[in-house]
Amino acid sequence: MKAHELRDLTLTELQARLKDERDVLQNLRFSKSVTGQLENPARLRNHRREVARLETIINEKSSAE
């Protein structure tokens, strides 16, 4: 999801999405450690960036309040 689309969400929705993204990222890291490889290694990077994007927007919104 793009940053401008995320900025339209509420703080609780952003926190819920952050939790979901972290869970997906943890599962990807676990499957990589068990099998040694991923079907699509770019997913790891994409989810890591999505977590960073969400954390940035959450910090922006919380400091604005």
C-alpha atoms as a PDB file:
ATOM      1  CA  MET A   1       0.000   0.000   0.000  1.00  0.00           C
ATOM      2  CA  LYS A   2       1.283   3.455  -0.866  1.00  0.00           C
ATOM      3  CA  ALA A   3       2.194   5.961   1.833  1.00  0.00           C
ATOM      4  CA  HIS A   4      -0.479   8.453   0.793  1.00  0.00           C
ATOM      5  CA  GLU A   5      -3.098   5.706   1.088  1.00  0.00           C
ATOM      6  CA  LEU A   6      -1.818   4.768   4.550  1.00  0.00           C
ATOM      7  CA  ARG A   7      -2.027   8.378   5.741  1.00  0.00           C
ATOM      8  CA  ASP A   8      -5.799   8.262   5.215  1.00  0.00           C
ATOM      9  CA  LEU A   9      -6.184   5.426   7.754  1.00  0.00           C
ATOM     10  CA  THR A  10      -6.764   5.956  11.460  1.00  0.00           C
ATOM     11  CA  LEU A  11      -4.113   5.257  14.063  1.00  0.00           C
ATOM     12  CA  THR A  12      -5.777   2.038  15.250  1.00  0.00           C
ATOM     13  CA  GLU A  13      -6.080   0.755  11.676  1.00  0.00           C
ATOM     14  CA  LEU A  14      -2.397   1.505  11.108  1.00  0.00           C
ATOM     15  CA  GLN A  15      -1.413  -0.334  14.277  1.00  0.00           C
ATOM     16  CA  ALA A  16      -3.492  -3.347  13.240  1.00  0.00           C
ATOM     17  CA  ARG A  17      -1.838  -3.389   9.815  1.00  0.00           C
ATOM     18  CA  LEU A  18       1.574  -3.086  11.472  1.00  0.00           C
ATOM     19  CA  LYS A  19       0.863  -6.121  13.638  1.00  0.00           C
ATOM     20  CA  ASP A  20      -0.258  -8.109  10.594  1.00  0.00           C
ATOM     21  CA  GLU A  21       2.827  -7.116   8.590  1.00  0.00           C
ATOM     22  CA  ARG A  22       5.133  -8.040  11.470  1.00  0.00           C
ATOM     23  CA  ASP A  23       3.453 -11.448  11.731  1.00  0.00           C
ATOM     24  CA  VAL A  24       3.931 -12.053   8.001  1.00  0.00           C
ATOM     25  CA  LEU A  25       7.553 -10.931   8.233  1.00  0.00           C
ATOM     26  CA  GLN A  26       8.185 -13.264  11.160  1.00  0.00           C
ATOM     27  CA  ASN A  27       6.658 -16.183   9.265  1.00  0.00           C
ATOM     28  CA  LEU A  28       8.812 -15.432   6.212  1.00  0.00           C
ATOM     29  CA  ARG A  29      11.960 -15.282   8.341  1.00  0.00           C
ATOM     30  CA  PHE A  30      11.027 -18.547  10.029  1.00  0.00           C
ATOM     31  CA  SER A  31      10.396 -20.348   6.750  1.00  0.00           C
ATOM     32  CA  LYS A  32      13.681 -19.019   5.384  1.00  0.00           C
ATOM     33  CA  SER A  33      15.589 -20.330   8.392  1.00  0.00           C
ATOM     34  CA  VAL A  34      13.920 -23.747   8.211  1.00  0.00           C
ATOM     35  CA  THR A  35      14.112 -24.367   4.485  1.00  0.00           C
ATOM     36  CA  GLY A  36      17.117 -22.199   3.704  1.00  0.00           C
ATOM     37  CA  GLN A  37      15.373 -20.483   0.820  1.00  0.00           C
ATOM     38  CA  LEU A  38      12.154 -18.707  -0.030  1.00  0.00           C
ATOM     39  CA  GLU A  39       9.939 -19.092  -3.059  1.00  0.00           C
ATOM     40  CA  ASN A  40      10.088 -15.330  -3.596  1.00  0.00           C
ATOM     41  CA  PRO A  41      12.902 -13.659  -1.633  1.00  0.00           C
ATOM     42  CA  ALA A  42      11.732 -10.179  -2.650  1.00  0.00           C
ATOM     43  CA  ARG A  43       8.683 -10.617  -0.395  1.00  0.00           C
ATOM     44  CA  LEU A  44      10.982 -10.385   2.617  1.00  0.00           C
ATOM     45  CA  ARG A  45      12.278  -7.000   1.509  1.00  0.00           C
ATOM     46  CA  ASN A  46       8.810  -5.746   0.572  1.00  0.00           C
ATOM     47  CA  HIS A  47       7.337  -6.634   3.954  1.00  0.00           C
ATOM     48  CA  ARG A  48      10.319  -5.128   5.769  1.00  0.00           C
ATOM     49  CA  ARG A  49       9.786  -1.878   3.873  1.00  0.00           C
ATOM     50  CA  GLU A  50       6.055  -1.957   4.559  1.00  0.00           C
ATOM     51  CA  VAL A  51       6.758  -2.282   8.309  1.00  0.00           C
ATOM     52  CA  ALA A  52       9.111   0.707   8.132  1.00  0.00           C
ATOM     53  CA  ARG A  53       6.553   2.707   6.156  1.00  0.00           C
ATOM     54  CA  LEU A  54       3.837   1.956   8.718  1.00  0.00           C
ATOM     55  CA  GLU A  55       6.090   2.820  11.661  1.00  0.00           C
ATOM     56  CA  THR A  56       7.007   6.137  10.027  1.00  0.00           C
ATOM     57  CA  ILE A  57       3.399   7.129   9.437  1.00  0.00           C
ATOM     58  CA  ILE A  58       2.382   6.059  12.955  1.00  0.00           C
ATOM     59  CA  ASN A  59       5.164   8.244  14.376  1.00  0.00           C
ATOM     60  CA  GLU A  60       4.054  11.160  12.187  1.00  0.00           C
ATOM     61  CA  LYS A  61       0.470  10.852  13.353  1.00  0.00           C
ATOM     62  CA  SER A  62       1.331  10.435  17.027  1.00  0.00           C
ATOM     63  CA  SER A  63       3.696  13.426  17.050  1.00  0.00           C
ATOM     64  CA  ALA A  64       1.080  15.576  15.297  1.00  0.00           C
ATOM     65  CA  GLU A  65      -1.418  14.987  18.115  1.00  0.00           C
END
